[in-house]
Structures are given as C-alpha cells and as structure tokens.
Amino acid sequence: MPLFLYESSAGSGKTYTLVQAYLNYILKRPEKFRHVLAVTFTNKAAGEMKERIIRALKALSRNEG
C-alpha cells in the first residue's frame, strides 16, 4: 500500500484532501478499508474527517454522489 503525506497550513483543505483520497482508495478496494491510517493532530480534525466520510458514504448509498 502506498504512503501519502499531506502537509500544509491551517485552512488549506487538508481535511477535504484526506477525505477524497480515503474515499477514492476504499471505493476502489473496499476490502482494504481497515488497513488505512489517517492521522490528524487534533480531535476536532479527526471528528470532522469522520463526519465528512460518513456523510459522503451515505450520499453515495442514496445515489446522490
């Protein structure tokens, strides 16, 4: 599995980029979702990332994405 590192300043879209990369990876390889590690430096950012992933998956399940 490849290793990606996203590093940039606050407010630059890291969470958006991580969510898109995660969704792209797991939608192509659903069996690998448990093998992805996404690290953030705050609980707030981790929570936001989780919410965005869940919201995107729900939208896809309803054919909205």
Protein backbone atom coordinates (compact mmCIF):
# COMPACT_ATOMS: atom_id res chain seq x y z
CA MET A 1 0.00 0.00 0.00
CA PRO A 2 1.37 3.44 -0.87
CA LEU A 3 2.22 6.03 1.74
CA PHE A 4 0.97 9.59 1.30
CA LEU A 5 1.86 12.60 3.41
CA TYR A 6 -0.19 15.79 3.17
CA GLU A 7 1.36 18.77 4.89
CA SER A 8 0.15 22.36 4.65
CA SER A 9 -1.06 25.30 6.67
CA ALA A 10 -4.36 25.65 8.51
CA GLY A 11 -7.39 26.24 6.32
CA SER A 12 -5.74 24.99 3.16
CA GLY A 13 -8.02 21.99 2.56
CA LYS A 14 -6.09 19.09 4.15
CA THR A 15 -9.21 17.51 5.61
CA TYR A 16 -11.00 17.73 2.26
CA THR A 17 -7.98 16.19 0.51
CA LEU A 18 -7.67 13.37 3.06
CA VAL A 19 -11.37 12.54 2.80
CA GLN A 20 -11.26 12.47 -1.00
CA ALA A 21 -8.13 10.30 -1.01
CA TYR A 22 -9.64 7.90 1.54
CA LEU A 23 -12.92 7.58 -0.34
CA ASN A 24 -11.14 7.10 -3.65
CA TYR A 25 -8.98 4.35 -2.19
CA ILE A 26 -11.67 2.40 -0.36
CA LEU A 27 -14.22 2.63 -3.14
CA LYS A 28 -11.70 1.01 -5.49
CA ARG A 29 -10.58 -1.53 -2.84
CA PRO A 30 -13.39 -1.97 -0.31
CA GLU A 31 -11.69 -4.93 1.36
CA LYS A 32 -8.79 -2.66 2.38
CA PHE A 33 -10.73 -0.08 4.41
CA ARG A 34 -9.41 -1.47 7.70
CA HIS A 35 -5.83 -1.03 6.51
CA VAL A 36 -5.91 2.74 6.10
CA LEU A 37 -4.50 5.00 8.78
CA ALA A 38 -5.28 8.71 8.64
CA VAL A 39 -3.59 10.81 11.30
CA THR A 40 -4.56 14.32 12.31
CA PHE A 41 -3.21 16.49 15.08
CA THR A 42 -6.48 17.39 16.78
CA ASN A 43 -9.58 15.52 17.86
CA LYS A 44 -11.64 18.20 16.14
CA ALA A 45 -9.98 17.50 12.78
CA ALA A 46 -10.38 13.74 13.25
CA GLY A 47 -14.07 14.19 14.06
CA GLU A 48 -14.59 16.42 11.06
CA MET A 49 -12.89 13.91 8.79
CA LYS A 50 -15.05 11.09 10.16
CA GLU A 51 -18.24 13.13 9.70
CA ARG A 52 -17.34 14.01 6.12
CA ILE A 53 -16.58 10.38 5.25
CA ILE A 54 -19.84 9.15 6.76
CA ARG A 55 -21.82 11.91 5.03
CA ALA A 56 -20.20 11.09 1.66
CA LEU A 57 -20.84 7.36 2.04
CA LYS A 58 -24.48 7.99 2.95
CA ALA A 59 -24.89 10.25 -0.08
CA LEU A 60 -23.34 7.60 -2.33
CA SER A 61 -25.65 4.93 -0.90
CA ARG A 62 -28.60 7.14 -1.86
CA ASN A 63 -27.13 7.77 -5.33
CA GLU A 64 -26.57 11.45 -4.52
CA GLY A 65 -22.84 11.49 -5.11
